[in-house]
Each structure stands twice: as structure tokens, then as C-alpha cells.
Amino acid sequence: MNNILEKINTVFVENGLLVDDYQAPLIDYIPDSITFINIVIGIEEILDIELPDAFLSIQNLGNTMNLAERLKDLVDDL
């Protein structure tokens, strides 16, 4: 799980985000749709996966810990 958290954080930093509270809703950190799309693409690239449509709504991301758990489940299923 820590590996996925590190990778998510790398994507955030590459997109100019400093997420300092992993329990806070990600929607509070993502300023616009362009940044959101860049984060989705960055996660897909860094994890070498294609995210299902459920991940393509900013409201569905939850917080960083939620996202990491869902991504871990997704990666484990591959």
C-alpha cells in the first residue's frame, strides 16, 4: 500500500499539488478539470493500468487513502 501511496503522491507533486492530509477529500486539492485529467493520466501511466470509468469522476475519488486502497485492489486483480 505504501508503494501505491508514494506513486500517487508523485503524480500529485508532478501536477503541482501538495496533499498534506490523506483523509481530506481530493476535490479540495484539485483546482480544475485539466489538473484532474492530468492526475488520472499520471496514475494510469505510473501504475501501467487503465482506470475504469468509476475513477473518471472527481467526486468518486474520495480521499488519498480511499484512492490508494481502490488502486491496490485494482492492481492486485490484474
N, C-alpha and C. Protein backbone atom coordinates (compact mmCIF):
# COMPACT_ATOMS: atom_id res chain seq x y z
N MET A 1 0.83 -1.19 0.00
CA MET A 1 0.00 0.00 0.00
C MET A 1 0.87 1.25 0.00
N ASN A 2 1.96 1.24 0.77
CA ASN A 2 2.83 2.41 0.82
C ASN A 2 3.40 2.74 -0.55
N ASN A 3 3.71 1.70 -1.34
CA ASN A 3 4.24 1.91 -2.68
C ASN A 3 3.22 2.67 -3.54
N ILE A 4 1.96 2.30 -3.43
CA ILE A 4 0.93 2.98 -4.21
C ILE A 4 0.75 4.41 -3.71
N LEU A 5 0.78 4.61 -2.40
CA LEU A 5 0.69 5.97 -1.86
C LEU A 5 1.83 6.84 -2.37
N GLU A 6 3.03 6.28 -2.41
CA GLU A 6 4.18 7.04 -2.91
C GLU A 6 3.98 7.41 -4.37
N LYS A 7 3.48 6.48 -5.16
CA LYS A 7 3.26 6.75 -6.57
C LYS A 7 2.17 7.80 -6.78
N ILE A 8 1.10 7.71 -5.99
CA ILE A 8 0.04 8.72 -6.08
C ILE A 8 0.60 10.09 -5.72
N ASN A 9 1.37 10.13 -4.66
CA ASN A 9 1.95 11.40 -4.23
C ASN A 9 2.88 11.96 -5.30
N THR A 10 3.63 11.10 -5.98
CA THR A 10 4.50 11.54 -7.08
C THR A 10 3.67 12.21 -8.17
N VAL A 11 2.55 11.60 -8.51
CA VAL A 11 1.66 12.18 -9.53
C VAL A 11 1.13 13.53 -9.06
N PHE A 12 0.75 13.62 -7.80
CA PHE A 12 0.26 14.89 -7.27
C PHE A 12 1.33 15.97 -7.38
N VAL A 13 2.54 15.66 -6.94
CA VAL A 13 3.63 16.64 -6.96
C VAL A 13 3.93 17.06 -8.40
N GLU A 14 3.94 16.11 -9.32
CA GLU A 14 4.19 16.43 -10.73
C GLU A 14 3.14 17.38 -11.30
N ASN A 15 1.97 17.39 -10.66
CA ASN A 15 0.88 18.27 -11.11
C ASN A 15 0.70 19.48 -10.20
N GLY A 16 1.71 19.75 -9.38
CA GLY A 16 1.71 20.95 -8.56
C GLY A 16 0.84 20.90 -7.33
N LEU A 17 0.47 19.70 -6.88
CA LEU A 17 -0.38 19.57 -5.71
C LEU A 17 0.42 19.09 -4.51
N LEU A 18 0.14 19.68 -3.37
CA LEU A 18 0.71 19.22 -2.11
C LEU A 18 -0.44 18.75 -1.24
N VAL A 19 -0.66 17.44 -1.24
CA VAL A 19 -1.75 16.86 -0.45
C VAL A 19 -1.14 16.48 0.89
N ASP A 20 -1.47 17.27 1.91
CA ASP A 20 -0.86 17.06 3.22
C ASP A 20 -1.78 16.34 4.20
N ASP A 21 -2.99 16.04 3.78
CA ASP A 21 -3.93 15.33 4.63
C ASP A 21 -4.56 14.22 3.79
N TYR A 22 -4.12 12.99 4.01
CA TYR A 22 -4.59 11.86 3.20
C TYR A 22 -6.03 11.48 3.50
N GLN A 23 -6.64 12.08 4.52
CA GLN A 23 -8.04 11.81 4.84
C GLN A 23 -8.98 12.89 4.28
N ALA A 24 -8.42 14.00 3.80
CA ALA A 24 -9.23 15.09 3.26
C ALA A 24 -9.70 14.73 1.84
N PRO A 25 -10.88 15.17 1.47
CA PRO A 25 -11.38 14.90 0.11
C PRO A 25 -10.43 15.48 -0.95
N LEU A 26 -10.14 14.69 -1.95
CA LEU A 26 -9.23 15.14 -3.00
C LEU A 26 -9.81 16.32 -3.78
N ILE A 27 -11.12 16.41 -3.83
CA ILE A 27 -11.75 17.53 -4.54
C ILE A 27 -11.31 18.87 -3.94
N ASP A 28 -10.90 18.87 -2.67
CA ASP A 28 -10.42 20.10 -2.03
C ASP A 28 -9.04 20.52 -2.55
N TYR A 29 -8.31 19.60 -3.16
CA TYR A 29 -6.94 19.88 -3.62
C TYR A 29 -6.84 20.09 -5.13
N ILE A 30 -7.78 19.58 -5.87
CA ILE A 30 -7.70 19.61 -7.33
C ILE A 30 -8.45 20.85 -7.83
N PRO A 31 -7.72 21.84 -8.37
CA PRO A 31 -8.31 23.13 -8.68
C PRO A 31 -9.20 23.18 -9.93
N ASP A 32 -8.96 22.27 -10.89
CA ASP A 32 -9.72 22.35 -12.13
C ASP A 32 -9.72 21.02 -12.86
N SER A 33 -10.52 20.95 -13.91
CA SER A 33 -10.68 19.69 -14.65
C SER A 33 -9.41 19.28 -15.38
N ILE A 34 -8.62 20.23 -15.82
CA ILE A 34 -7.36 19.89 -16.51
C ILE A 34 -6.42 19.18 -15.55
N THR A 35 -6.31 19.69 -14.34
CA THR A 35 -5.45 19.05 -13.33
C THR A 35 -5.98 17.66 -13.02
N PHE A 36 -7.30 17.53 -12.90
CA PHE A 36 -7.89 16.23 -12.63
C PHE A 36 -7.53 15.22 -13.72
N ILE A 37 -7.71 15.61 -14.97
CA ILE A 37 -7.39 14.71 -16.09
C ILE A 37 -5.91 14.36 -16.08
N ASN A 38 -5.05 15.33 -15.82
CA ASN A 38 -3.61 15.05 -15.75
C ASN A 38 -3.28 14.07 -14.64
N ILE A 39 -3.99 14.16 -13.52
CA ILE A 39 -3.77 13.22 -12.42
C ILE A 39 -4.21 11.82 -12.82
N VAL A 40 -5.38 11.71 -13.45
CA VAL A 40 -5.87 10.41 -13.92
C VAL A 40 -4.86 9.78 -14.89
N ILE A 41 -4.41 10.56 -15.85
CA ILE A 41 -3.43 10.06 -16.83
C ILE A 41 -2.13 9.67 -16.12
N GLY A 42 -1.68 10.50 -15.19
CA GLY A 42 -0.46 10.21 -14.45
C GLY A 42 -0.55 8.92 -13.66
N ILE A 43 -1.70 8.68 -13.01
CA ILE A 43 -1.90 7.45 -12.25
C ILE A 43 -1.88 6.25 -13.19
N GLU A 44 -2.57 6.38 -14.33
CA GLU A 44 -2.57 5.28 -15.30
C GLU A 44 -1.15 4.97 -15.77
N GLU A 45 -0.38 5.99 -16.04
CA GLU A 45 0.98 5.78 -16.54
C GLU A 45 1.89 5.19 -15.47
N ILE A 46 1.85 5.73 -14.26
CA ILE A 46 2.77 5.29 -13.23
C ILE A 46 2.46 3.87 -12.74
N LEU A 47 1.18 3.47 -12.82
CA LEU A 47 0.79 2.12 -12.40
C LEU A 47 0.63 1.17 -13.58
N ASP A 48 0.78 1.69 -14.80
CA ASP A 48 0.64 0.91 -16.02
C ASP A 48 -0.70 0.17 -16.07
N ILE A 49 -1.77 0.94 -15.84
CA ILE A 49 -3.13 0.40 -15.87
C ILE A 49 -4.03 1.37 -16.61
N GLU A 50 -5.24 0.91 -16.92
CA GLU A 50 -6.28 1.79 -17.44
C GLU A 50 -7.37 1.83 -16.38
N LEU A 51 -7.68 3.03 -15.91
CA LEU A 51 -8.68 3.16 -14.85
C LEU A 51 -10.08 2.96 -15.39
N PRO A 52 -10.91 2.24 -14.65
CA PRO A 52 -12.31 2.09 -15.05
C PRO A 52 -13.04 3.43 -14.99
N ASP A 53 -14.16 3.50 -15.65
CA ASP A 53 -14.94 4.74 -15.71
C ASP A 53 -15.29 5.30 -14.33
N ALA A 54 -15.44 4.45 -13.33
CA ALA A 54 -15.79 4.91 -11.99
C ALA A 54 -14.75 5.87 -11.42
N PHE A 55 -13.52 5.79 -11.90
CA PHE A 55 -12.45 6.67 -11.43
C PHE A 55 -12.44 8.01 -12.16
N LEU A 56 -13.27 8.15 -13.18
CA LEU A 56 -13.21 9.33 -14.03
C LEU A 56 -14.13 10.45 -13.59
N SER A 57 -14.57 10.39 -12.36
CA SER A 57 -15.37 11.46 -11.76
C SER A 57 -14.65 11.93 -10.50
N ILE A 58 -14.40 13.21 -10.42
CA ILE A 58 -13.66 13.75 -9.27
C ILE A 58 -14.39 13.46 -7.96
N GLN A 59 -15.71 13.42 -7.99
CA GLN A 59 -16.48 13.13 -6.79
C GLN A 59 -16.27 11.70 -6.31
N ASN A 60 -15.94 10.79 -7.22
CA ASN A 60 -15.76 9.39 -6.85
C ASN A 60 -14.37 9.07 -6.29
N LEU A 61 -13.45 10.01 -6.34
CA LEU A 61 -12.10 9.72 -5.87
C LEU A 61 -12.02 9.57 -4.35
N GLY A 62 -12.84 10.30 -3.63
CA GLY A 62 -12.76 10.24 -2.17
C GLY A 62 -11.51 10.96 -1.68
N ASN A 63 -10.80 10.32 -0.76
CA ASN A 63 -9.54 10.90 -0.27
C ASN A 63 -8.37 10.05 -0.74
N THR A 64 -7.18 10.46 -0.41
CA THR A 64 -5.98 9.77 -0.90
C THR A 64 -5.93 8.33 -0.41
N MET A 65 -6.29 8.10 0.84
CA MET A 65 -6.27 6.73 1.38
C MET A 65 -7.29 5.85 0.66
N ASN A 66 -8.51 6.38 0.43
CA ASN A 66 -9.53 5.66 -0.34
C ASN A 66 -9.01 5.30 -1.72
N LEU A 67 -8.44 6.28 -2.37
CA LEU A 67 -7.92 6.09 -3.72
C LEU A 67 -6.83 5.03 -3.73
N ALA A 68 -5.92 5.09 -2.78
CA ALA A 68 -4.83 4.10 -2.72
C ALA A 68 -5.37 2.69 -2.51
N GLU A 69 -6.37 2.55 -1.64
CA GLU A 69 -6.97 1.23 -1.41
C GLU A 69 -7.65 0.70 -2.66
N ARG A 70 -8.39 1.57 -3.34
CA ARG A 70 -9.08 1.14 -4.57
C ARG A 70 -8.08 0.79 -5.66
N LEU A 71 -7.01 1.58 -5.77
CA LEU A 71 -5.99 1.28 -6.78
C LEU A 71 -5.26 -0.02 -6.44
N LYS A 72 -4.99 -0.26 -5.18
CA LYS A 72 -4.34 -1.51 -4.77
C LYS A 72 -5.20 -2.70 -5.17
N ASP A 73 -6.49 -2.61 -4.89
CA ASP A 73 -7.42 -3.69 -5.29
C ASP A 73 -7.40 -3.89 -6.80
N LEU A 74 -7.39 -2.79 -7.53
CA LEU A 74 -7.39 -2.86 -8.98
C LEU A 74 -6.11 -3.49 -9.51
N VAL A 75 -4.98 -3.08 -8.96
CA VAL A 75 -3.68 -3.61 -9.39
C VAL A 75 -3.57 -5.08 -9.01
N ASP A 76 -4.05 -5.44 -7.82
CA ASP A 76 -3.99 -6.84 -7.36
C ASP A 76 -4.83 -7.76 -8.25
N ASP A 77 -5.89 -7.21 -8.85
CA ASP A 77 -6.77 -8.01 -9.70
C ASP A 77 -6.18 -8.26 -11.08
N LEU A 78 -5.12 -7.56 -11.43
CA LEU A 78 -4.54 -7.73 -12.78
C LEU A 78 -3.75 -9.01 -12.88
